[in-house]
All heavy atoms as atom14 arrays in JSON, in Angstrom:
{
  "sequence": "NFLVNWGKKKGVDVLKTETFKINDRRVSSTRIREALINNDFEEAKIL",
  "atom14_mask": [
    [1, 1, 1, 1, 1, 1, 1, 1, 0, 0, 0, 0, 0, 0],
    [1, 1, 1, 1, 1, 1, 1, 1, 1, 1, 1, 0, 0, 0],
    [1, 1, 1, 1, 1, 1, 1, 1, 0, 0, 0, 0, 0, 0],
    [1, 1, 1, 1, 1, 1, 1, 0, 0, 0, 0, 0, 0, 0],
    [1, 1, 1, 1, 1, 1, 1, 1, 0, 0, 0, 0, 0, 0],
    [1, 1, 1, 1, 1, 1, 1, 1, 1, 1, 1, 1, 1, 1],
    [1, 1, 1, 1, 0, 0, 0, 0, 0, 0, 0, 0, 0, 0],
    [1, 1, 1, 1, 1, 1, 1, 1, 1, 0, 0, 0, 0, 0],
    [1, 1, 1, 1, 1, 1, 1, 1, 1, 0, 0, 0, 0, 0],
    [1, 1, 1, 1, 1, 1, 1, 1, 1, 0, 0, 0, 0, 0],
    [1, 1, 1, 1, 0, 0, 0, 0, 0, 0, 0, 0, 0, 0],
    [1, 1, 1, 1, 1, 1, 1, 0, 0, 0, 0, 0, 0, 0],
    [1, 1, 1, 1, 1, 1, 1, 1, 0, 0, 0, 0, 0, 0],
    [1, 1, 1, 1, 1, 1, 1, 0, 0, 0, 0, 0, 0, 0],
    [1, 1, 1, 1, 1, 1, 1, 1, 0, 0, 0, 0, 0, 0],
    [1, 1, 1, 1, 1, 1, 1, 1, 1, 0, 0, 0, 0, 0],
    [1, 1, 1, 1, 1, 1, 1, 0, 0, 0, 0, 0, 0, 0],
    [1, 1, 1, 1, 1, 1, 1, 1, 1, 0, 0, 0, 0, 0],
    [1, 1, 1, 1, 1, 1, 1, 0, 0, 0, 0, 0, 0, 0],
    [1, 1, 1, 1, 1, 1, 1, 1, 1, 1, 1, 0, 0, 0],
    [1, 1, 1, 1, 1, 1, 1, 1, 1, 0, 0, 0, 0, 0],
    [1, 1, 1, 1, 1, 1, 1, 1, 0, 0, 0, 0, 0, 0],
    [1, 1, 1, 1, 1, 1, 1, 1, 0, 0, 0, 0, 0, 0],
    [1, 1, 1, 1, 1, 1, 1, 1, 0, 0, 0, 0, 0, 0],
    [1, 1, 1, 1, 1, 1, 1, 1, 1, 1, 1, 0, 0, 0],
    [1, 1, 1, 1, 1, 1, 1, 1, 1, 1, 1, 0, 0, 0],
    [1, 1, 1, 1, 1, 1, 1, 0, 0, 0, 0, 0, 0, 0],
    [1, 1, 1, 1, 1, 1, 0, 0, 0, 0, 0, 0, 0, 0],
    [1, 1, 1, 1, 1, 1, 0, 0, 0, 0, 0, 0, 0, 0],
    [1, 1, 1, 1, 1, 1, 1, 0, 0, 0, 0, 0, 0, 0],
    [1, 1, 1, 1, 1, 1, 1, 1, 1, 1, 1, 0, 0, 0],
    [1, 1, 1, 1, 1, 1, 1, 1, 0, 0, 0, 0, 0, 0],
    [1, 1, 1, 1, 1, 1, 1, 1, 1, 1, 1, 0, 0, 0],
    [1, 1, 1, 1, 1, 1, 1, 1, 1, 0, 0, 0, 0, 0],
    [1, 1, 1, 1, 1, 0, 0, 0, 0, 0, 0, 0, 0, 0],
    [1, 1, 1, 1, 1, 1, 1, 1, 0, 0, 0, 0, 0, 0],
    [1, 1, 1, 1, 1, 1, 1, 1, 0, 0, 0, 0, 0, 0],
    [1, 1, 1, 1, 1, 1, 1, 1, 0, 0, 0, 0, 0, 0],
    [1, 1, 1, 1, 1, 1, 1, 1, 0, 0, 0, 0, 0, 0],
    [1, 1, 1, 1, 1, 1, 1, 1, 0, 0, 0, 0, 0, 0],
    [1, 1, 1, 1, 1, 1, 1, 1, 1, 1, 1, 0, 0, 0],
    [1, 1, 1, 1, 1, 1, 1, 1, 1, 0, 0, 0, 0, 0],
    [1, 1, 1, 1, 1, 1, 1, 1, 1, 0, 0, 0, 0, 0],
    [1, 1, 1, 1, 1, 0, 0, 0, 0, 0, 0, 0, 0, 0],
    [1, 1, 1, 1, 1, 1, 1, 1, 1, 0, 0, 0, 0, 0],
    [1, 1, 1, 1, 1, 1, 1, 1, 0, 0, 0, 0, 0, 0],
    [1, 1, 1, 1, 1, 1, 1, 1, 0, 0, 0, 0, 0, 0]
  ],
  "atom14_positions": [
    [[29.42, -8.11, -28.46], [29.86, -8.74, -29.72], [30.98, -9.74, -29.44], [31.0, -10.81, -30.06], [30.31, -7.69, -30.74], [29.2, -6.85, -31.24], [28.04, -7.32, -31.34], [29.44, -5.6, -31.61], [0.0, 0.0, 0.0], [0.0, 0.0, 0.0], [0.0, 0.0, 0.0], [0.0, 0.0, 0.0], [0.0, 0.0, 0.0], [0.0, 0.0, 0.0]],
    [[31.89, -9.38, -28.51], [32.92, -10.33, -28.12], [32.33, -11.64, -27.59], [32.73, -12.76, -27.97], [33.86, -9.7, -27.08], [34.84, -10.67, -26.51], [36.1, -10.83, -27.09], [34.58, -11.45, -25.36], [36.99, -11.72, -26.53], [35.4, -12.33, -24.85], [36.67, -12.51, -25.42], [0.0, 0.0, 0.0], [0.0, 0.0, 0.0], [0.0, 0.0, 0.0]],
    [[31.32, -11.5, -26.76], [30.72, -12.66, -26.13], [29.9, -13.5, -27.15], [29.8, -14.71, -27.04], [29.85, -12.26, -24.91], [30.62, -11.86, -23.67], [29.68, -11.28, -22.63], [31.41, -13.06, -23.14], [0.0, 0.0, 0.0], [0.0, 0.0, 0.0], [0.0, 0.0, 0.0], [0.0, 0.0, 0.0], [0.0, 0.0, 0.0], [0.0, 0.0, 0.0]],
    [[29.24, -12.76, -28.12], [28.56, -13.5, -29.2], [29.47, -14.39, -29.95], [29.2, -15.57, -30.18], [27.83, -12.47, -30.12], [27.34, -13.23, -31.36], [26.72, -11.8, -29.4], [0.0, 0.0, 0.0], [0.0, 0.0, 0.0], [0.0, 0.0, 0.0], [0.0, 0.0, 0.0], [0.0, 0.0, 0.0], [0.0, 0.0, 0.0], [0.0, 0.0, 0.0]],
    [[30.66, -13.85, -30.32], [31.67, -14.69, -31.06], [32.19, -15.78, -30.19], [32.41, -16.91, -30.66], [32.76, -13.74, -31.55], [32.29, -12.75, -32.62], [31.4, -13.1, -33.39], [32.88, -11.59, -32.64], [0.0, 0.0, 0.0], [0.0, 0.0, 0.0], [0.0, 0.0, 0.0], [0.0, 0.0, 0.0], [0.0, 0.0, 0.0], [0.0, 0.0, 0.0]],
    [[32.49, -15.45, -28.92], [32.96, -16.49, -28.03], [31.92, -17.6, -27.83], [32.26, -18.8, -27.85], [33.25, -15.88, -26.66], [33.61, -16.82, -25.56], [34.81, -17.4, -25.34], [32.73, -17.34, -24.54], [34.75, -18.31, -24.23], [33.47, -18.26, -23.77], [31.4, -17.16, -24.27], [32.91, -18.94, -22.7], [30.84, -17.83, -23.19], [31.58, -18.72, -22.43]],
    [[30.64, -17.21, -27.7], [29.57, -18.16, -27.51], [29.43, -19.07, -28.73], [29.15, -20.29, -28.53], [0.0, 0.0, 0.0], [0.0, 0.0, 0.0], [0.0, 0.0, 0.0], [0.0, 0.0, 0.0], [0.0, 0.0, 0.0], [0.0, 0.0, 0.0], [0.0, 0.0, 0.0], [0.0, 0.0, 0.0], [0.0, 0.0, 0.0], [0.0, 0.0, 0.0]],
    [[29.66, -18.62, -29.94], [29.51, -19.46, -31.11], [30.57, -20.58, -31.07], [30.27, -21.69, -31.48], [29.66, -18.58, -32.33], [28.5, -17.68, -32.65], [28.79, -16.77, -33.86], [27.6, -15.88, -34.14], [27.86, -14.96, -35.28], [0.0, 0.0, 0.0], [0.0, 0.0, 0.0], [0.0, 0.0, 0.0], [0.0, 0.0, 0.0], [0.0, 0.0, 0.0]],
    [[31.75, -20.26, -30.58], [32.83, -21.23, -30.48], [32.58, -22.22, -29.39], [32.97, -23.45, -29.48], [34.18, -20.57, -30.22], [34.59, -19.61, -31.33], [35.84, -18.84, -30.92], [36.17, -17.75, -31.97], [37.38, -16.97, -31.47], [0.0, 0.0, 0.0], [0.0, 0.0, 0.0], [0.0, 0.0, 0.0], [0.0, 0.0, 0.0], [0.0, 0.0, 0.0]],
    [[31.89, -21.8, -28.3], [31.7, -22.66, -27.09], [30.34, -23.27, -27.0], [30.03, -24.02, -26.04], [31.97, -21.8, -25.88], [33.34, -21.21, -25.81], [34.44, -22.21, -25.65], [35.8, -21.55, -25.55], [36.9, -22.56, -25.38], [0.0, 0.0, 0.0], [0.0, 0.0, 0.0], [0.0, 0.0, 0.0], [0.0, 0.0, 0.0], [0.0, 0.0, 0.0]],
    [[29.47, -23.01, -27.96], [28.11, -23.55, -27.87], [27.24, -22.87, -26.85], [26.34, -23.51, -26.24], [0.0, 0.0, 0.0], [0.0, 0.0, 0.0], [0.0, 0.0, 0.0], [0.0, 0.0, 0.0], [0.0, 0.0, 0.0], [0.0, 0.0, 0.0], [0.0, 0.0, 0.0], [0.0, 0.0, 0.0], [0.0, 0.0, 0.0], [0.0, 0.0, 0.0]],
    [[27.45, -21.55, -26.65], [26.65, -20.79, -25.7], [25.91, -19.71, -26.46], [26.41, -18.97, -27.23], [27.6, -20.1, -24.68], [26.74, -19.22, -23.73], [28.41, -21.13, -23.86], [0.0, 0.0, 0.0], [0.0, 0.0, 0.0], [0.0, 0.0, 0.0], [0.0, 0.0, 0.0], [0.0, 0.0, 0.0], [0.0, 0.0, 0.0], [0.0, 0.0, 0.0]],
    [[24.54, -19.73, -26.28], [23.69, -18.75, -26.89], [23.82, -17.39, -26.07], [23.56, -17.41, -24.87], [22.23, -19.16, -26.89], [22.06, -20.34, -27.8], [22.69, -20.45, -28.86], [21.15, -21.19, -27.49], [0.0, 0.0, 0.0], [0.0, 0.0, 0.0], [0.0, 0.0, 0.0], [0.0, 0.0, 0.0], [0.0, 0.0, 0.0], [0.0, 0.0, 0.0]],
    [[24.29, -16.36, -26.74], [24.43, -15.1, -26.08], [23.24, -14.18, -26.49], [23.07, -13.93, -27.69], [25.77, -14.41, -26.35], [25.82, -13.03, -25.67], [26.9, -15.27, -25.92], [0.0, 0.0, 0.0], [0.0, 0.0, 0.0], [0.0, 0.0, 0.0], [0.0, 0.0, 0.0], [0.0, 0.0, 0.0], [0.0, 0.0, 0.0], [0.0, 0.0, 0.0]],
    [[22.41, -13.8, -25.54], [21.13, -13.12, -25.81], [21.2, -11.72, -25.2], [21.9, -11.43, -24.24], [19.95, -13.84, -25.14], [19.98, -15.39, -25.42], [18.94, -16.03, -24.53], [19.65, -15.63, -26.9], [0.0, 0.0, 0.0], [0.0, 0.0, 0.0], [0.0, 0.0, 0.0], [0.0, 0.0, 0.0], [0.0, 0.0, 0.0], [0.0, 0.0, 0.0]],
    [[20.47, -10.85, -25.88], [20.44, -9.42, -25.48], [19.23, -9.13, -24.58], [18.12, -9.58, -24.87], [20.32, -8.51, -26.71], [20.45, -7.02, -26.45], [20.24, -6.26, -27.77], [21.17, -6.64, -28.85], [20.98, -5.77, -30.03], [0.0, 0.0, 0.0], [0.0, 0.0, 0.0], [0.0, 0.0, 0.0], [0.0, 0.0, 0.0], [0.0, 0.0, 0.0]],
    [[19.46, -8.5, -23.44], [18.36, -8.09, -22.57], [17.67, -6.87, -23.15], [18.29, -5.98, -23.7], [18.85, -7.74, -21.16], [19.77, -6.64, -21.21], [19.56, -8.95, -20.47], [0.0, 0.0, 0.0], [0.0, 0.0, 0.0], [0.0, 0.0, 0.0], [0.0, 0.0, 0.0], [0.0, 0.0, 0.0], [0.0, 0.0, 0.0], [0.0, 0.0, 0.0]],
    [[16.34, -6.88, -23.04], [15.57, -5.73, -23.5], [15.45, -4.68, -22.44], [15.34, -4.99, -21.23], [14.16, -6.2, -23.9], [14.19, -7.2, -25.06], [14.74, -6.69, -26.33], [14.58, -5.48, -26.6], [15.36, -7.47, -27.07], [0.0, 0.0, 0.0], [0.0, 0.0, 0.0], [0.0, 0.0, 0.0], [0.0, 0.0, 0.0], [0.0, 0.0, 0.0]],
    [[15.46, -3.41, -22.83], [15.33, -2.31, -21.89], [13.89, -2.27, -21.31], [12.91, -2.37, -22.05], [15.62, -0.99, -22.56], [16.99, -1.01, -23.0], [15.42, 0.16, -21.56], [0.0, 0.0, 0.0], [0.0, 0.0, 0.0], [0.0, 0.0, 0.0], [0.0, 0.0, 0.0], [0.0, 0.0, 0.0], [0.0, 0.0, 0.0], [0.0, 0.0, 0.0]],
    [[13.83, -2.24, -20.01], [12.52, -2.17, -19.35], [12.22, -0.71, -18.9], [13.01, -0.15, -18.19], [12.5, -3.14, -18.13], [11.13, -3.22, -17.45], [10.09, -3.93, -18.06], [10.89, -2.56, -16.28], [8.85, -4.03, -17.47], [9.65, -2.64, -15.64], [8.67, -3.39, -16.27], [0.0, 0.0, 0.0], [0.0, 0.0, 0.0], [0.0, 0.0, 0.0]],
    [[11.09, -0.22, -19.31], [10.81, 1.21, -19.05], [9.51, 1.39, -18.3], [8.56, 0.58, -18.4], [10.69, 1.98, -20.42], [11.94, 2.06, -21.19], [11.78, 2.89, -22.43], [13.1, 3.02, -23.24], [12.94, 3.86, -24.44], [0.0, 0.0, 0.0], [0.0, 0.0, 0.0], [0.0, 0.0, 0.0], [0.0, 0.0, 0.0], [0.0, 0.0, 0.0]],
    [[9.48, 2.43, -17.51], [8.24, 2.96, -16.87], [8.16, 4.41, -17.18], [9.13, 5.15, -16.9], [8.23, 2.64, -15.35], [8.1, 1.15, -15.1], [7.06, 3.37, -14.68], [8.11, 0.81, -13.6], [0.0, 0.0, 0.0], [0.0, 0.0, 0.0], [0.0, 0.0, 0.0], [0.0, 0.0, 0.0], [0.0, 0.0, 0.0], [0.0, 0.0, 0.0]],
    [[7.02, 4.86, -17.67], [6.86, 6.28, -18.06], [7.95, 6.77, -19.0], [8.47, 7.85, -18.92], [6.81, 7.17, -16.85], [5.66, 6.88, -15.91], [4.59, 6.48, -16.34], [5.87, 7.09, -14.6], [0.0, 0.0, 0.0], [0.0, 0.0, 0.0], [0.0, 0.0, 0.0], [0.0, 0.0, 0.0], [0.0, 0.0, 0.0], [0.0, 0.0, 0.0]],
    [[8.23, 5.83, -20.0], [9.19, 6.12, -21.05], [10.64, 6.35, -20.59], [11.44, 6.89, -21.32], [8.73, 7.31, -21.89], [7.49, 7.08, -22.68], [7.28, 5.91, -23.14], [6.63, 7.99, -22.82], [0.0, 0.0, 0.0], [0.0, 0.0, 0.0], [0.0, 0.0, 0.0], [0.0, 0.0, 0.0], [0.0, 0.0, 0.0], [0.0, 0.0, 0.0]],
    [[10.88, 5.93, -19.34], [12.27, 6.03, -18.85], [12.76, 4.66, -18.4], [12.02, 3.87, -17.81], [12.37, 6.97, -17.64], [12.31, 8.43, -18.05], [12.61, 9.31, -16.81], [13.95, 9.06, -16.3], [14.32, 9.41, -15.04], [13.52, 9.97, -14.24], [15.59, 9.14, -14.72], [0.0, 0.0, 0.0], [0.0, 0.0, 0.0], [0.0, 0.0, 0.0]],
    [[13.95, 4.34, -18.68], [14.56, 3.11, -18.3], [14.56, 2.9, -16.8], [14.97, 3.83, -16.07], [15.99, 2.99, -18.86], [16.76, 1.69, -18.52], [18.04, 1.63, -19.28], [18.84, 0.51, -18.87], [19.81, 0.52, -17.93], [20.12, 1.7, -17.28], [20.52, -0.57, -17.69], [0.0, 0.0, 0.0], [0.0, 0.0, 0.0], [0.0, 0.0, 0.0]],
    [[14.13, 1.75, -16.36], [14.22, 1.45, -14.92], [15.69, 1.01, -14.63], [16.18, 0.04, -15.22], [13.27, 0.34, -14.54], [13.46, -0.05, -13.04], [11.82, 0.74, -14.81], [0.0, 0.0, 0.0], [0.0, 0.0, 0.0], [0.0, 0.0, 0.0], [0.0, 0.0, 0.0], [0.0, 0.0, 0.0], [0.0, 0.0, 0.0], [0.0, 0.0, 0.0]],
    [[16.3, 1.71, -13.75], [17.73, 1.45, -13.44], [18.01, 1.74, -11.98], [17.27, 2.48, -11.29], [18.61, 2.27, -14.31], [18.52, 3.63, -13.99], [0.0, 0.0, 0.0], [0.0, 0.0, 0.0], [0.0, 0.0, 0.0], [0.0, 0.0, 0.0], [0.0, 0.0, 0.0], [0.0, 0.0, 0.0], [0.0, 0.0, 0.0], [0.0, 0.0, 0.0]],
    [[19.13, 1.18, -11.49], [19.58, 1.52, -10.12], [19.84, 3.0, -10.02], [19.62, 3.62, -8.94], [20.79, 0.69, -9.77], [20.48, -0.68, -9.8], [0.0, 0.0, 0.0], [0.0, 0.0, 0.0], [0.0, 0.0, 0.0], [0.0, 0.0, 0.0], [0.0, 0.0, 0.0], [0.0, 0.0, 0.0], [0.0, 0.0, 0.0], [0.0, 0.0, 0.0]],
    [[20.38, 3.62, -11.06], [20.69, 5.04, -11.0], [19.4, 5.88, -10.85], [19.39, 6.8, -10.05], [21.35, 5.48, -12.32], [22.6, 4.81, -12.46], [21.64, 6.98, -12.34], [0.0, 0.0, 0.0], [0.0, 0.0, 0.0], [0.0, 0.0, 0.0], [0.0, 0.0, 0.0], [0.0, 0.0, 0.0], [0.0, 0.0, 0.0], [0.0, 0.0, 0.0]],
    [[18.33, 5.46, -11.51], [17.09, 6.18, -11.4], [16.51, 6.03, -10.02], [15.93, 7.02, -9.45], [16.08, 5.64, -12.45], [14.75, 6.37, -12.45], [13.85, 5.83, -13.58], [12.5, 6.32, -13.47], [11.49, 5.95, -14.23], [11.69, 5.05, -15.18], [10.25, 6.46, -14.08], [0.0, 0.0, 0.0], [0.0, 0.0, 0.0], [0.0, 0.0, 0.0]],
    [[16.65, 4.88, -9.4], [16.15, 4.7, -8.01], [17.01, 5.5, -7.03], [16.42, 6.1, -6.11], [16.19, 3.18, -7.68], [15.19, 2.43, -8.53], [15.86, 2.97, -6.18], [15.37, 0.92, -8.53], [0.0, 0.0, 0.0], [0.0, 0.0, 0.0], [0.0, 0.0, 0.0], [0.0, 0.0, 0.0], [0.0, 0.0, 0.0], [0.0, 0.0, 0.0]],
    [[18.31, 5.53, -7.24], [19.13, 6.37, -6.34], [18.71, 7.86, -6.41], [18.63, 8.52, -5.4], [20.59, 6.26, -6.74], [21.18, 4.9, -6.51], [22.71, 4.85, -6.78], [23.21, 3.54, -6.82], [23.51, 2.89, -7.96], [23.43, 3.5, -9.11], [23.95, 1.65, -7.95], [0.0, 0.0, 0.0], [0.0, 0.0, 0.0], [0.0, 0.0, 0.0]],
    [[18.4, 8.27, -7.61], [17.96, 9.71, -7.8], [16.68, 9.91, -7.05], [16.51, 10.97, -6.4], [17.75, 9.96, -9.31], [19.06, 10.07, -10.08], [18.79, 10.19, -11.57], [17.64, 10.17, -11.98], [19.78, 10.37, -12.33], [0.0, 0.0, 0.0], [0.0, 0.0, 0.0], [0.0, 0.0, 0.0], [0.0, 0.0, 0.0], [0.0, 0.0, 0.0]],
    [[15.73, 8.94, -7.13], [14.49, 9.13, -6.43], [14.67, 9.17, -4.93], [14.06, 9.97, -4.25], [13.5, 7.92, -6.81], [0.0, 0.0, 0.0], [0.0, 0.0, 0.0], [0.0, 0.0, 0.0], [0.0, 0.0, 0.0], [0.0, 0.0, 0.0], [0.0, 0.0, 0.0], [0.0, 0.0, 0.0], [0.0, 0.0, 0.0], [0.0, 0.0, 0.0]],
    [[15.57, 8.34, -4.38], [15.8, 8.33, -2.97], [16.49, 9.58, -2.5], [16.19, 10.11, -1.44], [16.6, 7.07, -2.62], [15.9, 5.72, -2.79], [16.92, 4.58, -2.6], [14.76, 5.63, -1.84], [0.0, 0.0, 0.0], [0.0, 0.0, 0.0], [0.0, 0.0, 0.0], [0.0, 0.0, 0.0], [0.0, 0.0, 0.0], [0.0, 0.0, 0.0]],
    [[17.47, 10.05, -3.29], [18.19, 11.28, -2.94], [17.18, 12.46, -2.9], [17.34, 13.38, -2.08], [19.34, 11.51, -3.92], [20.44, 10.47, -3.7], [19.9, 12.96, -3.77], [21.54, 10.49, -4.74], [0.0, 0.0, 0.0], [0.0, 0.0, 0.0], [0.0, 0.0, 0.0], [0.0, 0.0, 0.0], [0.0, 0.0, 0.0], [0.0, 0.0, 0.0]],
    [[16.22, 12.41, -3.83], [15.16, 13.46, -3.87], [13.97, 13.24, -2.98], [12.95, 13.88, -3.05], [14.68, 13.63, -5.31], [15.76, 14.18, -6.23], [16.59, 15.03, -5.84], [15.87, 13.66, -7.45], [0.0, 0.0, 0.0], [0.0, 0.0, 0.0], [0.0, 0.0, 0.0], [0.0, 0.0, 0.0], [0.0, 0.0, 0.0], [0.0, 0.0, 0.0]],
    [[14.1, 12.19, -2.11], [13.08, 11.84, -1.15], [11.73, 11.46, -1.79], [10.65, 11.64, -1.19], [12.87, 13.02, -0.15], [14.14, 13.47, 0.43], [14.92, 12.65, 0.94], [14.41, 14.77, 0.38], [0.0, 0.0, 0.0], [0.0, 0.0, 0.0], [0.0, 0.0, 0.0], [0.0, 0.0, 0.0], [0.0, 0.0, 0.0], [0.0, 0.0, 0.0]],
    [[11.8, 10.93, -3.01], [10.6, 10.47, -3.7], [10.48, 8.98, -3.44], [10.77, 8.18, -4.26], [10.69, 10.79, -5.2], [9.35, 10.57, -5.92], [8.48, 9.92, -5.32], [9.24, 11.05, -7.06], [0.0, 0.0, 0.0], [0.0, 0.0, 0.0], [0.0, 0.0, 0.0], [0.0, 0.0, 0.0], [0.0, 0.0, 0.0], [0.0, 0.0, 0.0]],
    [[9.91, 8.63, -2.3], [9.84, 7.23, -1.9], [8.76, 6.51, -2.68], [8.77, 5.32, -2.77], [9.66, 7.09, -0.37], [10.86, 7.59, 0.36], [10.85, 8.83, 1.02], [12.01, 6.83, 0.46], [11.96, 9.3, 1.72], [13.1, 7.3, 1.13], [13.06, 8.54, 1.78], [0.0, 0.0, 0.0], [0.0, 0.0, 0.0], [0.0, 0.0, 0.0]],
    [[7.78, 7.28, -3.15], [6.72, 6.6, -3.94], [7.28, 6.18, -5.26], [6.97, 5.07, -5.77], [5.55, 7.59, -4.13], [4.61, 7.64, -2.93], [4.03, 6.36, -2.52], [3.55, 5.58, -3.43], [4.11, 6.04, -1.31], [0.0, 0.0, 0.0], [0.0, 0.0, 0.0], [0.0, 0.0, 0.0], [0.0, 0.0, 0.0], [0.0, 0.0, 0.0]],
    [[8.11, 7.01, -5.9], [8.74, 6.64, -7.15], [9.65, 5.44, -6.96], [9.67, 4.52, -7.74], [9.55, 7.86, -7.7], [10.5, 7.51, -8.83], [9.85, 7.54, -10.22], [8.58, 7.59, -10.22], [10.58, 7.47, -11.23], [0.0, 0.0, 0.0], [0.0, 0.0, 0.0], [0.0, 0.0, 0.0], [0.0, 0.0, 0.0], [0.0, 0.0, 0.0]],
    [[10.44, 5.45, -5.85], [11.36, 4.33, -5.61], [10.52, 3.05, -5.39], [10.94, 1.99, -5.83], [12.19, 4.66, -4.37], [0.0, 0.0, 0.0], [0.0, 0.0, 0.0], [0.0, 0.0, 0.0], [0.0, 0.0, 0.0], [0.0, 0.0, 0.0], [0.0, 0.0, 0.0], [0.0, 0.0, 0.0], [0.0, 0.0, 0.0], [0.0, 0.0, 0.0]],
    [[9.4, 3.2, -4.71], [8.58, 2.02, -4.45], [8.09, 1.39, -5.73], [8.04, 0.18, -5.89], [7.38, 2.4, -3.58], [6.43, 1.28, -3.18], [5.32, 1.78, -2.25], [4.39, 0.67, -1.88], [3.29, 1.17, -0.97], [0.0, 0.0, 0.0], [0.0, 0.0, 0.0], [0.0, 0.0, 0.0], [0.0, 0.0, 0.0], [0.0, 0.0, 0.0]],
    [[7.67, 2.24, -6.7], [7.19, 1.76, -8.01], [8.35, 1.02, -8.75], [8.12, -0.08, -9.27], [6.67, 2.91, -8.85], [5.4, 3.47, -8.22], [6.42, 2.49, -10.31], [4.87, 4.78, -8.82], [0.0, 0.0, 0.0], [0.0, 0.0, 0.0], [0.0, 0.0, 0.0], [0.0, 0.0, 0.0], [0.0, 0.0, 0.0], [0.0, 0.0, 0.0]],
    [[9.5, 1.65, -8.74], [10.6, 1.08, -9.5], [11.16, -0.2, -8.84], [11.57, -1.13, -9.56], [11.76, 2.12, -9.63], [11.38, 3.41, -10.35], [12.55, 4.38, -10.29], [10.94, 3.18, -11.76], [0.0, 0.0, 0.0], [0.0, 0.0, 0.0], [0.0, 0.0, 0.0], [0.0, 0.0, 0.0], [0.0, 0.0, 0.0], [0.0, 0.0, 0.0]]
  ]
}
């Protein structure tokens, strides 16, 4: 919200990124770390 207001003053469009999911779970670096720690290299490969 701070950046949206700042952008209005500076002529910068501030846009929201959409959550990207696989199997109803957000794809994230944390999820990949969990897969690697659990030796699930196939899951990590997909993500």
